Amino acid sequence: MTYVQGFLAPVKTARKAEYAEIAEKSWALFQEYGAIGCCEGWGTDVPDGEVTSFPLAVRKEADETVVFSWILWPDKATADACVATMESDPRWEEAMPNASEVFSLKRMIFGGFEPLIER
């Protein structure tokens, strides 16, 4: 069964192109480490909520856009093995040299999911 890693991140709206470049470079590494699919979704209809919402969850600031993304893996073991390389493979830093200026790593939300229904 496949495995999905999901992410929500507040990205500086004016730095959309830089975020896309980081995502493209990172995708090459994710793919090398076994990822079989990904999607980067730029928020266009992401309303603020009263109790909770995507913007509230990442504490979105006025100059930011919420990005919803996911990576598809053949299994959790492959995803975990990739994550383990993020501190040992210097290419991760090369792919995202200015990531903290483009999006907030501290306010990013992420998690792993086993598909309940998959088509």
PDB file of N, CA and C in Angstrom:
ATOM      1  N   MET A   1       0.844  -1.179   0.000  1.00  0.00           N
ATOM      2  CA  MET A   1       0.000   0.000   0.000  1.00  0.00           C
ATOM      3  C   MET A   1       0.891   1.244   0.000  1.00  0.00           C
ATOM      4  N   THR A   2       0.467   2.269  -0.698  1.00  0.00           N
ATOM      5  CA  THR A   2       1.241   3.503  -0.757  1.00  0.00           C
ATOM      6  C   THR A   2       1.175   4.252   0.568  1.00  0.00           C
ATOM      7  N   TYR A   3       1.985   5.300   0.646  1.00  0.00           N
ATOM      8  CA  TYR A   3       2.084   6.137   1.836  1.00  0.00           C
ATOM      9  C   TYR A   3       2.149   7.581   1.374  1.00  0.00           C
ATOM     10  N   VAL A   4       1.508   8.475   2.118  1.00  0.00           N
ATOM     11  CA  VAL A   4       1.446   9.884   1.725  1.00  0.00           C
ATOM     12  C   VAL A   4       2.003  10.748   2.844  1.00  0.00           C
ATOM     13  N   GLN A   5       2.877  11.662   2.485  1.00  0.00           N
ATOM     14  CA  GLN A   5       3.309  12.704   3.411  1.00  0.00           C
ATOM     15  C   GLN A   5       2.628  13.990   2.972  1.00  0.00           C
ATOM     16  N   GLY A   6       1.961  14.651   3.897  1.00  0.00           N
ATOM     17  CA  GLY A   6       1.263  15.891   3.586  1.00  0.00           C
ATOM     18  C   GLY A   6       1.883  17.066   4.312  1.00  0.00           C
ATOM     19  N   PHE A   7       1.805  18.241   3.683  1.00  0.00           N
ATOM     20  CA  PHE A   7       2.431  19.443   4.223  1.00  0.00           C
ATOM     21  C   PHE A   7       1.538  20.662   4.017  1.00  0.00           C
ATOM     22  N   LEU A   8       1.503  21.539   4.990  1.00  0.00           N
ATOM     23  CA  LEU A   8       0.913  22.872   4.869  1.00  0.00           C
ATOM     24  C   LEU A   8       2.015  23.844   5.252  1.00  0.00           C
ATOM     25  N   ALA A   9       2.214  24.870   4.435  1.00  0.00           N
ATOM     26  CA  ALA A   9       3.262  25.838   4.745  1.00  0.00           C
ATOM     27  C   ALA A   9       2.832  27.243   4.356  1.00  0.00           C
ATOM     28  N   PRO A  10       3.174  28.236   5.181  1.00  0.00           N
ATOM     29  CA  PRO A  10       2.944  29.621   4.811  1.00  0.00           C
ATOM     30  C   PRO A  10       4.138  30.114   3.983  1.00  0.00           C
ATOM     31  N   VAL A  11       3.858  30.526   2.752  1.00  0.00           N
ATOM     32  CA  VAL A  11       4.911  30.949   1.821  1.00  0.00           C
ATOM     33  C   VAL A  11       4.743  32.431   1.521  1.00  0.00           C
ATOM     34  N   LYS A  12       5.859  33.153   1.480  1.00  0.00           N
ATOM     35  CA  LYS A  12       5.810  34.568   1.117  1.00  0.00           C
ATOM     36  C   LYS A  12       5.211  34.674  -0.285  1.00  0.00           C
ATOM     37  N   THR A  13       4.106  35.380  -0.415  1.00  0.00           N
ATOM     38  CA  THR A  13       3.395  35.486  -1.691  1.00  0.00           C
ATOM     39  C   THR A  13       4.294  36.028  -2.788  1.00  0.00           C
ATOM     40  N   ALA A  14       5.098  37.010  -2.481  1.00  0.00           N
ATOM     41  CA  ALA A  14       5.982  37.624  -3.476  1.00  0.00           C
ATOM     42  C   ALA A  14       7.114  36.699  -3.907  1.00  0.00           C
ATOM     43  N   ARG A  15       7.279  35.586  -3.210  1.00  0.00           N
ATOM     44  CA  ARG A  15       8.388  34.671  -3.515  1.00  0.00           C
ATOM     45  C   ARG A  15       7.891  33.333  -4.064  1.00  0.00           C
ATOM     46  N   LYS A  16       6.746  33.379  -4.710  1.00  0.00           N
ATOM     47  CA  LYS A  16       6.133  32.172  -5.287  1.00  0.00           C
ATOM     48  C   LYS A  16       7.090  31.462  -6.242  1.00  0.00           C
ATOM     49  N   ALA A  17       7.747  32.199  -7.124  1.00  0.00           N
ATOM     50  CA  ALA A  17       8.660  31.589  -8.100  1.00  0.00           C
ATOM     51  C   ALA A  17       9.832  30.908  -7.399  1.00  0.00           C
ATOM     52  N   GLU A  18      10.345  31.522  -6.344  1.00  0.00           N
ATOM     53  CA  GLU A  18      11.445  30.915  -5.596  1.00  0.00           C
ATOM     54  C   GLU A  18      10.983  29.632  -4.907  1.00  0.00           C
ATOM     55  N   TYR A  19       9.757  29.654  -4.380  1.00  0.00           N
ATOM     56  CA  TYR A  19       9.220  28.451  -3.754  1.00  0.00           C
ATOM     57  C   TYR A  19       9.109  27.330  -4.795  1.00  0.00           C
ATOM     58  N   ALA A  20       8.607  27.663  -5.974  1.00  0.00           N
ATOM     59  CA  ALA A  20       8.470  26.661  -7.037  1.00  0.00           C
ATOM     60  C   ALA A  20       9.830  26.074  -7.405  1.00  0.00           C
ATOM     61  N   GLU A  21      10.853  26.906  -7.425  1.00  0.00           N
ATOM     62  CA  GLU A  21      12.201  26.428  -7.744  1.00  0.00           C
ATOM     63  C   GLU A  21      12.704  25.474  -6.656  1.00  0.00           C
ATOM     64  N   ILE A  22      12.482  25.829  -5.405  1.00  0.00           N
ATOM     65  CA  ILE A  22      12.860  24.942  -4.297  1.00  0.00           C
ATOM     66  C   ILE A  22      12.119  23.610  -4.413  1.00  0.00           C
ATOM     67  N   ALA A  23      10.829  23.676  -4.712  1.00  0.00           N
ATOM     68  CA  ALA A  23      10.024  22.456  -4.838  1.00  0.00           C
ATOM     69  C   ALA A  23      10.528  21.574  -5.975  1.00  0.00           C
ATOM     70  N   GLU A  24      10.877  22.187  -7.101  1.00  0.00           N
ATOM     71  CA  GLU A  24      11.390  21.412  -8.250  1.00  0.00           C
ATOM     72  C   GLU A  24      12.709  20.726  -7.903  1.00  0.00           C
ATOM     73  N   LYS A  25      13.626  21.467  -7.296  1.00  0.00           N
ATOM     74  CA  LYS A  25      14.924  20.885  -6.936  1.00  0.00           C
ATOM     75  C   LYS A  25      14.753  19.784  -5.889  1.00  0.00           C
ATOM     76  N   SER A  26      13.875  20.020  -4.933  1.00  0.00           N
ATOM     77  CA  SER A  26      13.632  19.015  -3.898  1.00  0.00           C
ATOM     78  C   SER A  26      12.980  17.769  -4.486  1.00  0.00           C
ATOM     79  N   TRP A  27      12.068  17.964  -5.438  1.00  0.00           N
ATOM     80  CA  TRP A  27      11.386  16.831  -6.057  1.00  0.00           C
ATOM     81  C   TRP A  27      12.389  15.875  -6.687  1.00  0.00           C
ATOM     82  N   ALA A  28      13.425  16.405  -7.317  1.00  0.00           N
ATOM     83  CA  ALA A  28      14.432  15.538  -7.930  1.00  0.00           C
ATOM     84  C   ALA A  28      15.055  14.616  -6.876  1.00  0.00           C
ATOM     85  N   LEU A  29      15.307  15.151  -5.693  1.00  0.00           N
ATOM     86  CA  LEU A  29      15.872  14.325  -4.624  1.00  0.00           C
ATOM     87  C   LEU A  29      14.840  13.348  -4.061  1.00  0.00           C
ATOM     88  N   PHE A  30      13.629  13.836  -3.827  1.00  0.00           N
ATOM     89  CA  PHE A  30      12.583  12.931  -3.340  1.00  0.00           C
ATOM     90  C   PHE A  30      12.411  11.757  -4.302  1.00  0.00           C
ATOM     91  N   GLN A  31      12.409  12.068  -5.589  1.00  0.00           N
ATOM     92  CA  GLN A  31      12.240  11.029  -6.604  1.00  0.00           C
ATOM     93  C   GLN A  31      13.413  10.051  -6.568  1.00  0.00           C
ATOM     94  N   GLU A  32      14.617  10.582  -6.445  1.00  0.00           N
ATOM     95  CA  GLU A  32      15.797   9.717  -6.361  1.00  0.00           C
ATOM     96  C   GLU A  32      15.697   8.761  -5.171  1.00  0.00           C
ATOM     97  N   TYR A  33      15.120   9.233  -4.085  1.00  0.00           N
ATOM     98  CA  TYR A  33      14.981   8.416  -2.884  1.00  0.00           C
ATOM     99  C   TYR A  33      13.703   7.592  -2.869  1.00  0.00           C
ATOM    100  N   GLY A  34      12.979   7.553  -3.987  1.00  0.00           N
ATOM    101  CA  GLY A  34      11.871   6.614  -4.118  1.00  0.00           C
ATOM    102  C   GLY A  34      10.470   7.178  -4.203  1.00  0.00           C
ATOM    103  N   ALA A  35      10.303   8.505  -4.109  1.00  0.00           N
ATOM    104  CA  ALA A  35       8.958   9.081  -4.220  1.00  0.00           C
ATOM    105  C   ALA A  35       8.388   8.789  -5.605  1.00  0.00           C
ATOM    106  N   ILE A  36       7.085   8.547  -5.657  1.00  0.00           N
ATOM    107  CA  ILE A  36       6.460   8.200  -6.937  1.00  0.00           C
ATOM    108  C   ILE A  36       5.484   9.262  -7.428  1.00  0.00           C
ATOM    109  N   GLY A  37       5.298  10.312  -6.658  1.00  0.00           N
ATOM    110  CA  GLY A  37       4.425  11.399  -7.091  1.00  0.00           C
ATOM    111  C   GLY A  37       4.455  12.540  -6.098  1.00  0.00           C
ATOM    112  N   CYS A  38       4.084  13.711  -6.570  1.00  0.00           N
ATOM    113  CA  CYS A  38       3.979  14.856  -5.668  1.00  0.00           C
ATOM    114  C   CYS A  38       3.026  15.885  -6.258  1.00  0.00           C
ATOM    115  N   CYS A  39       2.581  16.788  -5.411  1.00  0.00           N
ATOM    116  CA  CYS A  39       1.745  17.899  -5.839  1.00  0.00           C
ATOM    117  C   CYS A  39       2.049  19.081  -4.938  1.00  0.00           C
ATOM    118  N   GLU A  40       2.203  20.244  -5.529  1.00  0.00           N
ATOM    119  CA  GLU A  40       2.378  21.493  -4.787  1.00  0.00           C
ATOM    120  C   GLU A  40       1.178  22.363  -5.126  1.00  0.00           C
ATOM    121  N   GLY A  41       0.324  22.629  -4.156  1.00  0.00           N
ATOM    122  CA  GLY A  41      -0.882  23.419  -4.395  1.00  0.00           C
ATOM    123  C   GLY A  41      -0.764  24.814  -3.807  1.00  0.00           C
ATOM    124  N   TRP A  42      -0.837  25.836  -4.678  1.00  0.00           N
ATOM    125  CA  TRP A  42      -0.772  27.237  -4.256  1.00  0.00           C
ATOM    126  C   TRP A  42      -2.180  27.694  -3.891  1.00  0.00           C
ATOM    127  N   GLY A  43      -2.384  28.121  -2.668  1.00  0.00           N
ATOM    128  CA  GLY A  43      -3.711  28.486  -2.191  1.00  0.00           C
ATOM    129  C   GLY A  43      -4.343  29.637  -2.960  1.00  0.00           C
ATOM    130  N   THR A  44      -5.530  29.397  -3.505  1.00  0.00           N
ATOM    131  CA  THR A  44      -6.270  30.444  -4.216  1.00  0.00           C
ATOM    132  C   THR A  44      -7.642  30.693  -3.606  1.00  0.00           C
ATOM    133  N   ASP A  45      -8.144  29.731  -2.855  1.00  0.00           N
ATOM    134  CA  ASP A  45      -9.441  29.869  -2.198  1.00  0.00           C
ATOM    135  C   ASP A  45      -9.325  29.209  -0.830  1.00  0.00           C
ATOM    136  N   VAL A  46      -8.636  29.878   0.077  1.00  0.00           N
ATOM    137  CA  VAL A  46      -8.320  29.320   1.383  1.00  0.00           C
ATOM    138  C   VAL A  46      -8.814  30.306   2.451  1.00  0.00           C
ATOM    139  N   PRO A  47     -10.099  30.217   2.790  1.00  0.00           N
ATOM    140  CA  PRO A  47     -10.679  31.205   3.705  1.00  0.00           C
ATOM    141  C   PRO A  47     -10.185  31.065   5.149  1.00  0.00           C
ATOM    142  N   ASP A  48     -10.185  32.196   5.833  1.00  0.00           N
ATOM    143  CA  ASP A  48      -9.912  32.184   7.268  1.00  0.00           C
ATOM    144  C   ASP A  48     -11.110  31.559   7.967  1.00  0.00           C
ATOM    145  N   GLY A  49     -10.850  30.821   9.010  1.00  0.00           N
ATOM    146  CA  GLY A  49     -11.939  30.235   9.779  1.00  0.00           C
ATOM    147  C   GLY A  49     -12.092  30.937  11.114  1.00  0.00           C
ATOM    148  N   GLU A  50     -13.200  30.673  11.766  1.00  0.00           N
ATOM    149  CA  GLU A  50     -13.417  31.251  13.090  1.00  0.00           C
ATOM    150  C   GLU A  50     -12.752  30.414  14.182  1.00  0.00           C
ATOM    151  N   VAL A  51     -12.788  29.102  14.017  1.00  0.00           N
ATOM    152  CA  VAL A  51     -12.210  28.211  15.016  1.00  0.00           C
ATOM    153  C   VAL A  51     -10.909  27.603  14.507  1.00  0.00           C
ATOM    154  N   THR A  52     -10.944  27.105  13.264  1.00  0.00           N
ATOM    155  CA  THR A  52      -9.742  26.548  12.665  1.00  0.00           C
ATOM    156  C   THR A  52      -9.835  26.659  11.154  1.00  0.00           C
ATOM    157  N   SER A  53      -8.699  26.639  10.511  1.00  0.00           N
ATOM    158  CA  SER A  53      -8.623  26.726   9.052  1.00  0.00           C
ATOM    159  C   SER A  53      -7.167  26.520   8.662  1.00  0.00           C
ATOM    160  N   PHE A  54      -6.920  26.371   7.377  1.00  0.00           N
ATOM    161  CA  PHE A  54      -5.534  26.277   6.925  1.00  0.00           C
ATOM    162  C   PHE A  54      -4.743  27.523   7.334  1.00  0.00           C
ATOM    163  N   PRO A  55      -5.256  28.741   7.089  1.00  0.00           N
ATOM    164  CA  PRO A  55      -4.497  29.932   7.488  1.00  0.00           C
ATOM    165  C   PRO A  55      -4.224  29.990   8.997  1.00  0.00           C
ATOM    166  N   LEU A  56      -5.215  29.640   9.799  1.00  0.00           N
ATOM    167  CA  LEU A  56      -5.007  29.652  11.251  1.00  0.00           C
ATOM    168  C   LEU A  56      -3.999  28.588  11.672  1.00  0.00           C
ATOM    169  N   ALA A  57      -4.054  27.438  11.043  1.00  0.00           N
ATOM    170  CA  ALA A  57      -3.169  26.335  11.420  1.00  0.00           C
ATOM    171  C   ALA A  57      -1.695  26.686  11.245  1.00  0.00           C
ATOM    172  N   VAL A  58      -1.380  27.468  10.205  1.00  0.00           N
ATOM    173  CA  VAL A  58       0.017  27.843   9.959  1.00  0.00           C
ATOM    174  C   VAL A  58       0.310  29.278  10.388  1.00  0.00           C
ATOM    175  N   ARG A  59      -0.669  29.899  11.063  1.00  0.00           N
ATOM    176  CA  ARG A  59      -0.543  31.296  11.496  1.00  0.00           C
ATOM    177  C   ARG A  59      -0.093  32.191  10.339  1.00  0.00           C
ATOM    178  N   LYS A  60      -0.813  32.082   9.236  1.00  0.00           N
ATOM    179  CA  LYS A  60      -0.507  32.834   8.018  1.00  0.00           C
ATOM    180  C   LYS A  60      -0.508  34.331   8.294  1.00  0.00           C
ATOM    181  N   GLU A  61       0.510  34.998   7.757  1.00  0.00           N
ATOM    182  CA  GLU A  61       0.607  36.449   7.870  1.00  0.00           C
ATOM    183  C   GLU A  61       0.060  37.088   6.600  1.00  0.00           C
ATOM    184  N   ALA A  62      -0.182  38.385   6.628  1.00  0.00           N
ATOM    185  CA  ALA A  62      -0.828  39.092   5.515  1.00  0.00           C
ATOM    186  C   ALA A  62      -0.077  38.960   4.194  1.00  0.00           C
ATOM    187  N   ASP A  63       1.231  38.820   4.246  1.00  0.00           N
ATOM    188  CA  ASP A  63       2.031  38.742   3.018  1.00  0.00           C
ATOM    189  C   ASP A  63       2.348  37.306   2.617  1.00  0.00           C
ATOM    190  N   GLU A  64       1.551  36.357   3.097  1.00  0.00           N
ATOM    191  CA  GLU A  64       1.804  34.941   2.822  1.00  0.00           C
ATOM    192  C   GLU A  64       0.606  34.260   2.172  1.00  0.00           C
ATOM    193  N   THR A  65       0.900  33.153   1.500  1.00  0.00           N
ATOM    194  CA  THR A  65      -0.106  32.281   0.900  1.00  0.00           C
ATOM    195  C   THR A  65       0.107  30.880   1.466  1.00  0.00           C
ATOM    196  N   VAL A  66      -0.974  30.170   1.734  1.00  0.00           N
ATOM    197  CA  VAL A  66      -0.861  28.796   2.224  1.00  0.00           C
ATOM    198  C   VAL A  66      -0.615  27.865   1.041  1.00  0.00           C
ATOM    199  N   VAL A  67       0.392  27.011   1.183  1.00  0.00           N
ATOM    200  CA  VAL A  67       0.681  25.976   0.195  1.00  0.00           C
ATOM    201  C   VAL A  67       0.347  24.628   0.825  1.00  0.00           C
ATOM    202  N   PHE A  68      -0.395  23.826   0.073  1.00  0.00           N
ATOM    203  CA  PHE A  68      -0.781  22.480   0.494  1.00  0.00           C
ATOM    204  C   PHE A  68      -0.087  21.527  -0.464  1.00  0.00           C
ATOM    205  N   SER A  69       0.751  20.663   0.060  1.00  0.00           N
ATOM    206  CA  SER A  69       1.480  19.759  -0.828  1.00  0.00           C
ATOM    207  C   SER A  69       1.526  18.358  -0.233  1.00  0.00           C
ATOM    208  N   TRP A  70       1.814  17.419  -1.115  1.00  0.00           N
ATOM    209  CA  TRP A  70       1.971  16.050  -0.647  1.00  0.00           C
ATOM    210  C   TRP A  70       2.945  15.310  -1.540  1.00  0.00           C
ATOM    211  N   ILE A  71       3.523  14.275  -0.945  1.00  0.00           N
ATOM    212  CA  ILE A  71       4.448  13.389  -1.646  1.00  0.00           C
ATOM    213  C   ILE A  71       3.893  11.981  -1.505  1.00  0.00           C
ATOM    214  N   LEU A  72       3.863  11.266  -2.592  1.00  0.00           N
ATOM    215  CA  LEU A  72       3.372   9.890  -2.617  1.00  0.00           C
ATOM    216  C   LEU A  72       4.571   8.942  -2.665  1.00  0.00           C
ATOM    217  N   TRP A  73       4.537   7.962  -1.795  1.00  0.00           N
ATOM    218  CA  TRP A  73       5.620   6.978  -1.674  1.00  0.00           C
ATOM    219  C   TRP A  73       5.061   5.571  -1.899  1.00  0.00           C
ATOM    220  N   PRO A  74       5.916   4.626  -2.293  1.00  0.00           N
ATOM    221  CA  PRO A  74       5.428   3.254  -2.435  1.00  0.00           C
ATOM    222  C   PRO A  74       5.068   2.636  -1.081  1.00  0.00           C
ATOM    223  N   ASP A  75       5.732   3.114   0.007  1.00  0.00           N
ATOM    224  CA  ASP A  75       5.457   2.611   1.352  1.00  0.00           C
ATOM    225  C   ASP A  75       6.110   3.535   2.380  1.00  0.00           C
ATOM    226  N   LYS A  76       5.764   3.343   3.645  1.00  0.00           N
ATOM    227  CA  LYS A  76       6.288   4.190   4.720  1.00  0.00           C
ATOM    228  C   LYS A  76       7.793   4.011   4.891  1.00  0.00           C
ATOM    229  N   ALA A  77       8.286   2.801   4.721  1.00  0.00           N
ATOM    230  CA  ALA A  77       9.719   2.549   4.892  1.00  0.00           C
ATOM    231  C   ALA A  77      10.547   3.388   3.921  1.00  0.00           C
ATOM    232  N   THR A  78      10.073   3.526   2.696  1.00  0.00           N
ATOM    233  CA  THR A  78      10.790   4.335   1.705  1.00  0.00           C
ATOM    234  C   THR A  78      10.770   5.802   2.111  1.00  0.00           C
ATOM    235  N   ALA A  79       9.628   6.279   2.582  1.00  0.00           N
ATOM    236  CA  ALA A  79       9.529   7.671   3.046  1.00  0.00           C
ATOM    237  C   ALA A  79      10.463   7.908   4.227  1.00  0.00           C
ATOM    238  N   ASP A  80      10.461   7.005   5.185  1.00  0.00           N
ATOM    239  CA  ASP A  80      11.319   7.145   6.362  1.00  0.00           C
ATOM    240  C   ASP A  80      12.795   7.132   5.979  1.00  0.00           C
ATOM    241  N   ALA A  81      13.160   6.288   5.031  1.00  0.00           N
ATOM    242  CA  ALA A  81      14.552   6.228   4.583  1.00  0.00           C
ATOM    243  C   ALA A  81      14.965   7.547   3.941  1.00  0.00           C
ATOM    244  N   CYS A  82      14.072   8.159   3.188  1.00  0.00           N
ATOM    245  CA  CYS A  82      14.360   9.452   2.574  1.00  0.00           C
ATOM    246  C   CYS A  82      14.555  10.518   3.645  1.00  0.00           C
ATOM    247  N   VAL A  83      13.656  10.575   4.604  1.00  0.00           N
ATOM    248  CA  VAL A  83      13.754  11.570   5.678  1.00  0.00           C
ATOM    249  C   VAL A  83      15.090  11.434   6.407  1.00  0.00           C
ATOM    250  N   ALA A  84      15.554  10.216   6.586  1.00  0.00           N
ATOM    251  CA  ALA A  84      16.826   9.986   7.273  1.00  0.00           C
ATOM    252  C   ALA A  84      18.008  10.593   6.523  1.00  0.00           C
ATOM    253  N   THR A  85      17.882  10.781   5.211  1.00  0.00           N
ATOM    254  CA  THR A  85      18.989  11.349   4.425  1.00  0.00           C
ATOM    255  C   THR A  85      19.057  12.869   4.514  1.00  0.00           C
ATOM    256  N   MET A  86      18.026  13.497   5.048  1.00  0.00           N
ATOM    257  CA  MET A  86      17.968  14.961   5.031  1.00  0.00           C
ATOM    258  C   MET A  86      19.048  15.620   5.886  1.00  0.00           C
ATOM    259  N   GLU A  87      19.616  14.882   6.819  1.00  0.00           N
ATOM    260  CA  GLU A  87      20.708  15.432   7.614  1.00  0.00           C
ATOM    261  C   GLU A  87      22.067  14.972   7.114  1.00  0.00           C
ATOM    262  N   SER A  88      22.104  13.958   6.269  1.00  0.00           N
ATOM    263  CA  SER A  88      23.387  13.428   5.811  1.00  0.00           C
ATOM    264  C   SER A  88      23.716  13.758   4.360  1.00  0.00           C
ATOM    265  N   ASP A  89      22.722  14.027   3.538  1.00  0.00           N
ATOM    266  CA  ASP A  89      22.962  14.322   2.121  1.00  0.00           C
ATOM    267  C   ASP A  89      22.985  15.839   1.931  1.00  0.00           C
ATOM    268  N   PRO A  90      24.149  16.409   1.615  1.00  0.00           N
ATOM    269  CA  PRO A  90      24.266  17.867   1.482  1.00  0.00           C
ATOM    270  C   PRO A  90      23.437  18.446   0.338  1.00  0.00           C
ATOM    271  N   ARG A  91      22.965  17.607  -0.556  1.00  0.00           N
ATOM    272  CA  ARG A  91      22.165  18.116  -1.677  1.00  0.00           C
ATOM    273  C   ARG A  91      20.831  18.691  -1.217  1.00  0.00           C
ATOM    274  N   TRP A  92      20.341  18.274  -0.046  1.00  0.00           N
ATOM    275  CA  TRP A  92      19.096  18.858   0.465  1.00  0.00           C
ATOM    276  C   TRP A  92      19.290  20.341   0.741  1.00  0.00           C
ATOM    277  N   GLU A  93      20.397  20.676   1.383  1.00  0.00           N
ATOM    278  CA  GLU A  93      20.685  22.093   1.663  1.00  0.00           C
ATOM    279  C   GLU A  93      20.912  22.857   0.362  1.00  0.00           C
ATOM    280  N   GLU A  94      21.557  22.228  -0.596  1.00  0.00           N
ATOM    281  CA  GLU A  94      21.790  22.869  -1.894  1.00  0.00           C
ATOM    282  C   GLU A  94      20.470  23.128  -2.623  1.00  0.00           C
ATOM    283  N   ALA A  95      19.501  22.251  -2.454  1.00  0.00           N
ATOM    284  CA  ALA A  95      18.199  22.414  -3.110  1.00  0.00           C
ATOM    285  C   ALA A  95      17.377  23.522  -2.466  1.00  0.00           C
ATOM    286  N   MET A  96      17.649  23.817  -1.200  1.00  0.00           N
ATOM    287  CA  MET A  96      16.851  24.817  -0.473  1.00  0.00           C
ATOM    288  C   MET A  96      17.737  25.778   0.320  1.00  0.00           C
ATOM    289  N   PRO A  97      18.668  26.451  -0.333  1.00  0.00           N
ATOM    290  CA  PRO A  97      19.613  27.282   0.424  1.00  0.00           C
ATOM    291  C   PRO A  97      18.965  28.439   1.174  1.00  0.00           C
ATOM    292  N   ASN A  98      17.898  28.982   0.661  1.00  0.00           N
ATOM    293  CA  ASN A  98      17.246  30.139   1.286  1.00  0.00           C
ATOM    294  C   ASN A  98      15.807  29.828   1.691  1.00  0.00           C
ATOM    295  N   ALA A  99      15.532  28.575   1.978  1.00  0.00           N
ATOM    296  CA  ALA A  99      14.153  28.158   2.264  1.00  0.00           C
ATOM    297  C   ALA A  99      13.521  28.970   3.386  1.00  0.00           C
ATOM    298  N   SER A 100      14.268  29.256   4.442  1.00  0.00           N
ATOM    299  CA  SER A 100      13.676  29.958   5.585  1.00  0.00           C
ATOM    300  C   SER A 100      13.294  31.399   5.262  1.00  0.00           C
ATOM    301  N   GLU A 101      13.816  31.944   4.174  1.00  0.00           N
ATOM    302  CA  GLU A 101      13.425  33.289   3.736  1.00  0.00           C
ATOM    303  C   GLU A 101      12.156  33.242   2.886  1.00  0.00           C
ATOM    304  N   VAL A 102      11.876  32.091   2.297  1.00  0.00           N
ATOM    305  CA  VAL A 102      10.754  31.934   1.372  1.00  0.00           C
ATOM    306  C   VAL A 102       9.509  31.409   2.086  1.00  0.00           C
ATOM    307  N   PHE A 103       9.688  30.474   2.997  1.00  0.00           N
ATOM    308  CA  PHE A 103       8.552  29.942   3.756  1.00  0.00           C
ATOM    309  C   PHE A 103       8.992  29.621   5.175  1.00  0.00           C
ATOM    310  N   SER A 104       8.025  29.562   6.075  1.00  0.00           N
ATOM    311  CA  SER A 104       8.325  29.326   7.482  1.00  0.00           C
ATOM    312  C   SER A 104       8.390  27.834   7.786  1.00  0.00           C
ATOM    313  N   LEU A 105       9.586  27.369   8.088  1.00  0.00           N
ATOM    314  CA  LEU A 105       9.759  25.977   8.483  1.00  0.00           C
ATOM    315  C   LEU A 105       9.158  25.728   9.867  1.00  0.00           C
ATOM    316  N   LYS A 106       9.192  26.737  10.732  1.00  0.00           N
ATOM    317  CA  LYS A 106       8.661  26.585  12.089  1.00  0.00           C
ATOM    318  C   LYS A 106       7.144  26.479  12.105  1.00  0.00           C
ATOM    319  N   ARG A 107       6.477  27.130  11.154  1.00  0.00           N
ATOM    320  CA  ARG A 107       5.012  27.102  11.125  1.00  0.00           C
ATOM    321  C   ARG A 107       4.469  26.082  10.131  1.00  0.00           C
ATOM    322  N   MET A 108       5.359  25.390   9.442  1.00  0.00           N
ATOM    323  CA  MET A 108       4.934  24.344   8.517  1.00  0.00           C
ATOM    324  C   MET A 108       4.371  23.170   9.325  1.00  0.00           C
ATOM    325  N   ILE A 109       3.315  22.578   8.806  1.00  0.00           N
ATOM    326  CA  ILE A 109       2.698  21.408   9.427  1.00  0.00           C
ATOM    327  C   ILE A 109       2.903  20.231   8.474  1.00  0.00           C
ATOM    328  N   PHE A 110       3.222  19.075   9.027  1.00  0.00           N
ATOM    329  CA  PHE A 110       3.416  17.912   8.163  1.00  0.00           C
ATOM    330  C   PHE A 110       3.019  16.648   8.905  1.00  0.00           C
ATOM    331  N   GLY A 111       2.757  15.616   8.141  1.00  0.00           N
ATOM    332  CA  GLY A 111       2.413  14.333   8.730  1.00  0.00           C
ATOM    333  C   GLY A 111       2.391  13.248   7.673  1.00  0.00           C
ATOM    334  N   GLY A 112       2.408  12.013   8.131  1.00  0.00           N
ATOM    335  CA  GLY A 112       2.360  10.868   7.237  1.00  0.00           C
ATOM    336  C   GLY A 112       1.030  10.152   7.356  1.00  0.00           C
ATOM    337  N   PHE A 113       0.558   9.643   6.222  1.00  0.00           N
ATOM    338  CA  PHE A 113      -0.777   9.060   6.166  1.00  0.00           C
ATOM    339  C   PHE A 113      -0.788   7.770   5.357  1.00  0.00           C
ATOM    340  N   GLU A 114      -1.503   6.792   5.882  1.00  0.00           N
ATOM    341  CA  GLU A 114      -1.776   5.562   5.153  1.00  0.00           C
ATOM    342  C   GLU A 114      -3.114   5.766   4.451  1.00  0.00           C
ATOM    343  N   PRO A 115      -3.163   5.605   3.139  1.00  0.00           N
ATOM    344  CA  PRO A 115      -4.426   5.832   2.433  1.00  0.00           C
ATOM    345  C   PRO A 115      -5.542   4.912   2.935  1.00  0.00           C
ATOM    346  N   LEU A 116      -6.684   5.512   3.160  1.00  0.00           N
ATOM    347  CA  LEU A 116      -7.875   4.764   3.549  1.00  0.00           C
ATOM    348  C   LEU A 116      -8.615   4.301   2.298  1.00  0.00           C
ATOM    349  N   ILE A 117      -8.730   5.204   1.335  1.00  0.00           N
ATOM    350  CA  ILE A 117      -9.305   4.909   0.022  1.00  0.00           C
ATOM    351  C   ILE A 117      -8.329   5.459  -1.005  1.00  0.00           C
ATOM    352  N   GLU A 118      -8.038   4.666  -2.002  1.00  0.00           N
ATOM    353  CA  GLU A 118      -7.076   5.087  -3.020  1.00  0.00           C
ATOM    354  C   GLU A 118      -7.607   4.699  -4.389  1.00  0.00           C
ATOM    355  N   ARG A 119      -7.609   5.628  -5.299  1.00  0.00           N
ATOM    356  CA  ARG A 119      -8.087   5.364  -6.655  1.00  0.00           C
ATOM    357  C   ARG A 119      -7.002   5.657  -7.649  1.00  0.00           C
TER     358      ARG A 119
END
